[in-house]
Amino acid sequence: MLELVNMSKRFKQFYAVKNLNMFIERGEIVGLLGPNGAGKSTAISMLSSLIEPTTGDVRLNNKSVVKNPVPLREVIGIVPQEIALYNDLTAEENLQFFGRIYRLKGDERKQKIDEVLKQIGLTEKRKEVVKKFSGGMKRRLNIGVALLHDPELIIMDEPTVGIDPQSRNYILETVKRLNKEKQMTVLYTSHYMEEVEFLCDRIYIMDRGNLIASGTKEEIKRILSSEKTIVIKTGQLNDEFLNTLKQEPTIRRVMAEEKMVKVIVPKEVNIFRTVLKVAESTGIELNSVDSKTATLEDVFLHLTGRALRD
């Protein structure tokens, strides 16, 4: 349905995105991941025709839309990371306003507003002003705006940031339902790896403007198929403990998170004695040392060296 071909964006001498190649098939949910500064927002801006690429092409159904973005704009919906609503208007008035921008008229607009309010679970709140809404309700209405014109493709840029778990689950289930019932194609970015695990058919991972991995969840996890992750929980951490682990020749990566350390080693290596020895020599108290199969987040850390929220 949509393809990015050798797409780059340069700001003076800085490349925010370099030679990005992606494809999104009709009816699938695709995840776009990367730490802060990876180039995701720039890629989304080019993909949605907000900015032109410096080089490369964006193709919709095999036709370029860089110079003529109208066909793309007619079938795309955008859920921005920042909430884009009018706080002094009601939910219904917001949808009326954006419905007019989408050139929906009369009975058609009324019918779509009723349908969208039902989809996002805000029918009973339609007459309330948005400034009285919770963060989760605003996020849902933000999604509703993007659904008004029945887009074939919807881009959701971190749609669950800063909301309560109940609203977050509602949004995730709504995305799943729209994809299943309407075959809506979704490009989804998030700082929560569990959301990507739950929703996405395929994943692209970016870092520093480059595409560094792509595939299904299972294919990406197989990047670490010959390795295992050891999770070390401690009372405290110090640099000596971490640096000593990094110097061990059998350890391929060390990743620290507060009072927890993850190390990646070959599957055949027994690292437990080494961890105990290093902890003893550096004065670290161990709470637990566990071995587990590599997760999507482990692969992400392995590829980028940074957590998704960094």
Protein backbone atom coordinates (compact mmCIF):
# COMPACT_ATOMS: atom_id res chain seq x y z
CA MET A 1 0.00 0.00 0.00
CA LEU A 2 2.68 2.51 1.06
CA GLU A 3 6.41 2.41 0.36
CA LEU A 4 9.34 4.61 1.31
CA VAL A 5 12.20 4.33 -1.19
CA ASN A 6 15.73 5.47 -0.23
CA MET A 7 14.19 8.37 1.67
CA SER A 8 16.53 10.86 3.37
CA LYS A 9 16.08 14.20 5.10
CA ARG A 10 18.97 16.60 5.62
CA PHE A 11 18.88 19.75 7.72
CA LYS A 12 21.99 21.72 6.65
CA GLN A 13 24.77 19.15 7.21
CA PHE A 14 22.76 16.92 9.58
CA TYR A 15 20.91 13.87 8.28
CA ALA A 16 17.85 13.19 10.45
CA VAL A 17 16.94 10.22 8.23
CA LYS A 18 19.30 8.37 5.89
CA ASN A 19 18.23 6.15 2.99
CA LEU A 20 15.14 4.78 4.71
CA ASN A 21 13.35 1.92 2.97
CA MET A 22 10.03 0.71 4.39
CA PHE A 23 6.83 -0.85 3.13
CA ILE A 24 3.42 -1.10 4.74
CA GLU A 25 0.98 -3.67 3.38
CA ARG A 26 -2.76 -3.05 3.40
CA GLY A 27 -4.43 -4.31 6.58
CA GLU A 28 -1.37 -4.79 8.79
CA ILE A 29 -0.17 -3.06 11.95
CA VAL A 30 3.45 -1.98 11.66
CA GLY A 31 5.55 -0.74 14.58
CA LEU A 32 8.18 1.98 14.17
CA LEU A 33 10.58 1.97 17.12
CA GLY A 34 13.64 3.91 18.13
CA PRO A 35 15.08 5.84 21.07
CA ASN A 36 14.62 9.61 21.21
CA GLY A 37 16.48 11.26 18.35
CA ALA A 38 16.31 8.17 16.14
CA GLY A 39 14.52 10.00 13.31
CA LYS A 40 11.03 8.54 13.78
CA SER A 41 9.20 11.89 13.86
CA THR A 42 11.02 13.11 10.75
CA ALA A 43 10.20 9.87 8.96
CA ILE A 44 6.52 10.19 9.92
CA SER A 45 6.44 13.83 8.76
CA MET A 46 7.77 12.79 5.34
CA LEU A 47 5.50 9.77 5.15
CA SER A 48 2.44 11.91 5.90
CA SER A 49 3.45 14.64 3.39
CA LEU A 50 4.09 17.34 6.02
CA ILE A 51 7.66 17.78 4.77
CA GLU A 52 9.35 16.73 1.53
CA PRO A 53 12.30 14.33 1.63
CA THR A 54 15.68 15.69 0.57
CA THR A 55 16.10 12.60 -1.58
CA GLY A 56 14.04 9.48 -2.19
CA ASP A 57 10.36 8.83 -2.75
CA VAL A 58 7.07 8.07 -0.99
CA ARG A 59 4.82 5.80 -3.07
CA LEU A 60 1.12 5.07 -2.51
CA ASN A 61 -0.13 2.05 -4.46
CA ASN A 62 3.06 2.31 -6.53
CA LYS A 63 2.55 5.99 -7.46
CA SER A 64 4.76 8.79 -6.14
CA VAL A 65 3.00 11.26 -3.83
CA VAL A 66 5.94 13.55 -3.01
CA LYS A 67 4.99 16.25 -5.53
CA ASN A 68 1.25 15.50 -5.49
CA PRO A 69 0.28 14.48 -1.92
CA VAL A 70 -3.49 14.85 -2.38
CA PRO A 71 -4.18 11.11 -3.00
CA LEU A 72 -2.25 10.26 0.17
CA ARG A 73 -3.96 12.91 2.30
CA GLU A 74 -7.38 11.60 1.25
CA VAL A 75 -6.70 8.15 2.72
CA ILE A 76 -4.49 8.92 5.71
CA GLY A 77 -5.34 9.77 9.32
CA ILE A 78 -2.82 11.20 11.81
CA VAL A 79 -2.91 10.83 15.61
CA PRO A 80 -0.15 13.23 16.74
CA GLN A 81 1.87 12.78 19.89
CA GLU A 82 0.71 16.17 21.16
CA ILE A 83 -3.03 16.41 21.74
CA ALA A 84 -4.57 18.58 19.00
CA LEU A 85 -8.00 19.59 20.33
CA TYR A 86 -9.84 22.78 21.30
CA ASN A 87 -10.25 22.69 25.07
CA ASP A 88 -13.16 25.16 25.20
CA LEU A 89 -15.26 23.13 22.74
CA THR A 90 -17.21 19.99 23.55
CA ALA A 91 -16.21 16.60 22.16
CA GLU A 92 -18.98 16.88 19.57
CA GLU A 93 -18.01 20.43 18.60
CA ASN A 94 -14.39 19.35 18.09
CA LEU A 95 -15.55 16.57 15.80
CA GLN A 96 -17.88 18.99 13.98
CA PHE A 97 -14.95 21.35 13.37
CA PHE A 98 -12.59 18.70 12.07
CA GLY A 99 -15.40 17.07 10.09
CA ARG A 100 -15.81 20.31 8.15
CA ILE A 101 -12.06 20.36 7.48
CA TYR A 102 -12.45 16.84 6.04
CA ARG A 103 -15.30 18.27 3.90
CA LEU A 104 -17.93 16.03 5.45
CA LYS A 105 -21.38 17.54 5.01
CA GLY A 106 -24.77 17.40 6.69
CA ASP A 107 -26.12 13.96 7.48
CA GLU A 108 -22.86 12.28 6.50
CA ARG A 109 -20.93 14.34 9.06
CA LYS A 110 -23.53 13.69 11.77
CA GLN A 111 -23.48 9.97 11.06
CA LYS A 112 -19.66 9.82 11.17
CA ILE A 113 -19.54 11.77 14.44
CA ASP A 114 -22.03 9.36 16.03
CA GLU A 115 -20.03 6.39 14.75
CA VAL A 116 -16.68 7.76 15.95
CA LEU A 117 -17.99 8.68 19.42
CA LYS A 118 -19.20 5.10 19.76
CA GLN A 119 -15.85 3.70 18.55
CA ILE A 120 -13.88 5.70 21.12
CA GLY A 121 -16.39 5.20 23.94
CA LEU A 122 -17.34 8.87 24.41
CA THR A 123 -20.97 8.95 23.29
CA GLU A 124 -22.19 9.92 26.77
CA LYS A 125 -19.53 12.65 27.02
CA ARG A 126 -20.28 14.28 23.66
CA LYS A 127 -21.70 17.49 25.21
CA GLU A 128 -18.88 17.97 27.77
CA VAL A 129 -16.11 20.50 27.15
CA VAL A 130 -12.72 18.94 26.51
CA LYS A 131 -10.93 20.87 29.27
CA LYS A 132 -12.88 18.78 31.79
CA PHE A 133 -11.71 15.51 30.23
CA SER A 134 -9.10 13.24 31.74
CA GLY A 135 -5.88 12.67 29.83
CA GLY A 136 -7.16 9.31 28.61
CA MET A 137 -10.41 10.79 27.31
CA LYS A 138 -8.50 13.49 25.43
CA ARG A 139 -6.29 10.84 23.86
CA ARG A 140 -9.36 8.89 22.74
CA LEU A 141 -10.94 12.00 21.22
CA ASN A 142 -7.62 12.76 19.51
CA ILE A 143 -7.90 9.33 17.87
CA GLY A 144 -11.54 9.99 17.00
CA VAL A 145 -10.60 13.09 15.00
CA ALA A 146 -8.27 10.97 12.85
CA LEU A 147 -11.04 8.42 12.19
CA LEU A 148 -13.72 10.84 10.95
CA HIS A 149 -13.04 10.43 7.22
CA ASP A 150 -12.62 6.62 7.29
CA PRO A 151 -8.88 6.59 6.55
CA GLU A 152 -7.36 3.50 4.95
CA LEU A 153 -4.11 4.17 6.82
CA ILE A 154 -3.76 5.70 10.27
CA ILE A 155 -0.46 6.85 11.77
CA MET A 156 -0.44 6.80 15.57
CA ASP A 157 2.52 8.61 17.16
CA GLU A 158 2.73 7.51 20.81
CA PRO A 159 -1.05 7.71 21.38
CA THR A 160 -0.93 6.45 25.00
CA VAL A 161 1.62 8.83 26.52
CA GLY A 162 0.78 9.97 30.04
CA ILE A 163 -2.55 8.21 30.55
CA ASP A 164 -3.93 5.74 33.07
CA PRO A 165 -3.71 1.96 32.45
CA GLN A 166 -7.47 1.59 31.87
CA SER A 167 -7.51 4.23 29.11
CA ARG A 168 -4.36 2.77 27.64
CA ASN A 169 -5.90 -0.70 27.41
CA TYR A 170 -9.04 0.78 25.85
CA ILE A 171 -6.97 2.50 23.15
CA LEU A 172 -4.99 -0.66 22.39
CA GLU A 173 -8.16 -2.72 22.09
CA THR A 174 -9.69 -0.02 19.87
CA VAL A 175 -6.70 -0.17 17.52
CA LYS A 176 -6.97 -3.96 17.36
CA ARG A 177 -10.71 -3.76 16.67
CA LEU A 178 -10.36 -1.15 13.91
CA ASN A 179 -7.69 -3.25 12.24
CA LYS A 180 -9.79 -6.42 12.43
CA GLU A 181 -13.23 -5.03 11.59
CA LYS A 182 -12.29 -2.35 9.04
CA GLN A 183 -8.98 -3.81 7.81
CA MET A 184 -7.50 -0.43 8.72
CA THR A 185 -3.75 -0.23 8.15
CA VAL A 186 -1.82 1.18 11.14
CA LEU A 187 1.67 2.59 11.60
CA TYR A 188 2.27 2.69 15.35
CA THR A 189 5.07 4.26 17.37
CA SER A 190 5.38 3.85 21.12
CA HIS A 191 7.81 4.05 24.03
CA TYR A 192 6.15 0.99 25.56
CA MET A 193 7.54 -2.26 24.17
CA GLU A 194 4.61 -4.28 25.52
CA GLU A 195 2.23 -2.26 23.29
CA VAL A 196 4.27 -3.16 20.23
CA GLU A 197 4.33 -6.82 21.30
CA PHE A 198 0.54 -6.77 21.64
CA LEU A 199 -0.35 -4.90 18.45
CA CYS A 200 2.19 -5.18 15.70
CA ASP A 201 2.57 -7.68 12.87
CA ARG A 202 5.95 -6.33 11.76
CA ILE A 203 8.48 -3.92 13.25
CA TYR A 204 11.04 -1.43 11.98
CA ILE A 205 13.78 -0.22 14.35
CA MET A 206 15.58 3.08 13.72
CA ASP A 207 18.59 4.60 15.44
CA ARG A 208 20.44 7.82 14.59
CA GLY A 209 18.53 8.21 11.35
CA ASN A 210 19.25 4.71 10.08
CA LEU A 211 17.06 1.64 9.77
CA ILE A 212 18.92 -1.02 11.77
CA ALA A 213 16.44 -3.93 11.84
CA SER A 214 13.10 -4.99 10.41
CA GLY A 215 10.89 -8.06 10.36
CA THR A 216 8.20 -9.84 12.33
CA LYS A 217 8.51 -10.00 16.11
CA GLU A 218 9.77 -13.57 15.85
CA GLU A 219 12.35 -12.67 13.18
CA ILE A 220 13.70 -9.80 15.24
CA LYS A 221 13.92 -11.93 18.38
CA ARG A 222 15.96 -14.44 16.40
CA ILE A 223 18.72 -11.83 16.21
CA LEU A 224 19.56 -13.09 19.71
CA SER A 225 18.58 -16.70 19.06
CA SER A 226 22.09 -17.96 19.81
CA GLU A 227 22.27 -15.94 23.01
CA LYS A 228 20.50 -15.66 26.35
CA THR A 229 19.82 -12.82 28.73
CA ILE A 230 20.94 -12.95 32.37
CA VAL A 231 19.01 -10.62 34.68
CA ILE A 232 20.97 -9.56 37.78
CA LYS A 233 19.06 -7.79 40.54
CA THR A 234 21.08 -6.04 43.25
CA GLY A 235 20.68 -3.86 46.31
CA GLN A 236 22.78 -1.20 44.59
CA LEU A 237 25.07 -0.72 41.61
CA ASN A 238 28.50 0.80 41.18
CA ASP A 239 30.71 1.54 38.19
CA GLU A 240 33.34 -0.99 39.24
CA PHE A 241 30.80 -3.84 39.10
CA LEU A 242 29.55 -2.79 35.65
CA ASN A 243 33.00 -2.15 34.20
CA THR A 244 34.30 -5.49 35.45
CA LEU A 245 31.37 -7.30 33.82
CA LYS A 246 32.04 -5.44 30.56
CA GLN A 247 35.62 -6.71 30.58
CA GLU A 248 34.56 -10.36 30.77
CA PRO A 249 35.30 -11.91 27.35
CA THR A 250 32.20 -14.16 27.36
CA ILE A 251 29.79 -11.25 27.97
CA ARG A 252 28.63 -9.59 24.75
CA ARG A 253 26.66 -6.69 26.23
CA VAL A 254 25.97 -5.17 29.65
CA MET A 255 22.87 -2.99 30.17
CA ALA A 256 22.18 -1.26 33.49
CA GLU A 257 18.69 -0.20 34.63
CA GLU A 258 18.53 1.28 38.15
CA LYS A 259 19.17 -1.71 40.49
CA MET A 260 19.07 -4.27 37.70
CA VAL A 261 21.66 -5.34 35.14
CA LYS A 262 21.04 -7.37 32.00
CA VAL A 263 23.94 -9.19 30.36
CA ILE A 264 23.81 -11.04 27.04
CA VAL A 265 25.98 -14.14 26.69
CA PRO A 266 26.16 -17.11 24.29
CA LYS A 267 23.59 -19.79 25.14
CA GLU A 268 26.25 -22.36 26.00
CA VAL A 269 28.04 -20.13 28.54
CA ASN A 270 27.41 -20.57 32.28
CA ILE A 271 27.98 -17.10 33.65
CA PHE A 272 26.65 -17.56 37.20
CA ARG A 273 30.02 -18.20 38.88
CA THR A 274 31.53 -15.22 37.09
CA VAL A 275 28.72 -12.93 38.27
CA LEU A 276 29.11 -14.14 41.87
CA LYS A 277 32.87 -13.59 41.73
CA VAL A 278 32.55 -10.08 40.29
CA ALA A 279 29.87 -9.14 42.84
CA GLU A 280 32.06 -10.33 45.71
CA SER A 281 35.16 -8.51 44.49
CA THR A 282 33.29 -5.22 43.94
CA GLY A 283 31.19 -5.28 47.12
CA ILE A 284 27.82 -5.74 45.42
CA GLU A 285 25.00 -7.59 47.18
CA LEU A 286 23.06 -9.81 44.78
CA ASN A 287 19.32 -10.31 45.22
CA SER A 288 18.85 -12.69 42.28
CA VAL A 289 20.47 -13.95 39.07
CA ASP A 290 18.05 -15.37 36.48
CA SER A 291 18.41 -16.66 32.93
CA LYS A 292 15.66 -15.97 30.40
CA THR A 293 14.95 -16.11 26.70
CA ALA A 294 15.65 -12.89 24.81
CA THR A 295 12.68 -10.50 24.53
CA LEU A 296 11.95 -7.83 21.95
CA GLU A 297 13.26 -5.23 24.40
CA ASP A 298 16.50 -7.19 24.87
CA VAL A 299 17.03 -7.13 21.10
CA PHE A 300 16.28 -3.41 21.00
CA LEU A 301 18.83 -2.74 23.75
CA HIS A 302 21.33 -4.98 22.03
CA LEU A 303 20.97 -3.13 18.71
CA THR A 304 20.84 0.46 19.98
CA GLY A 305 22.59 0.29 23.34
CA ARG A 306 19.76 2.44 24.69
CA ALA A 307 16.36 1.81 26.25
CA LEU A 308 13.30 2.67 24.17
CA ARG A 309 12.50 5.57 26.53
CA ASP A 310 16.02 7.07 26.32
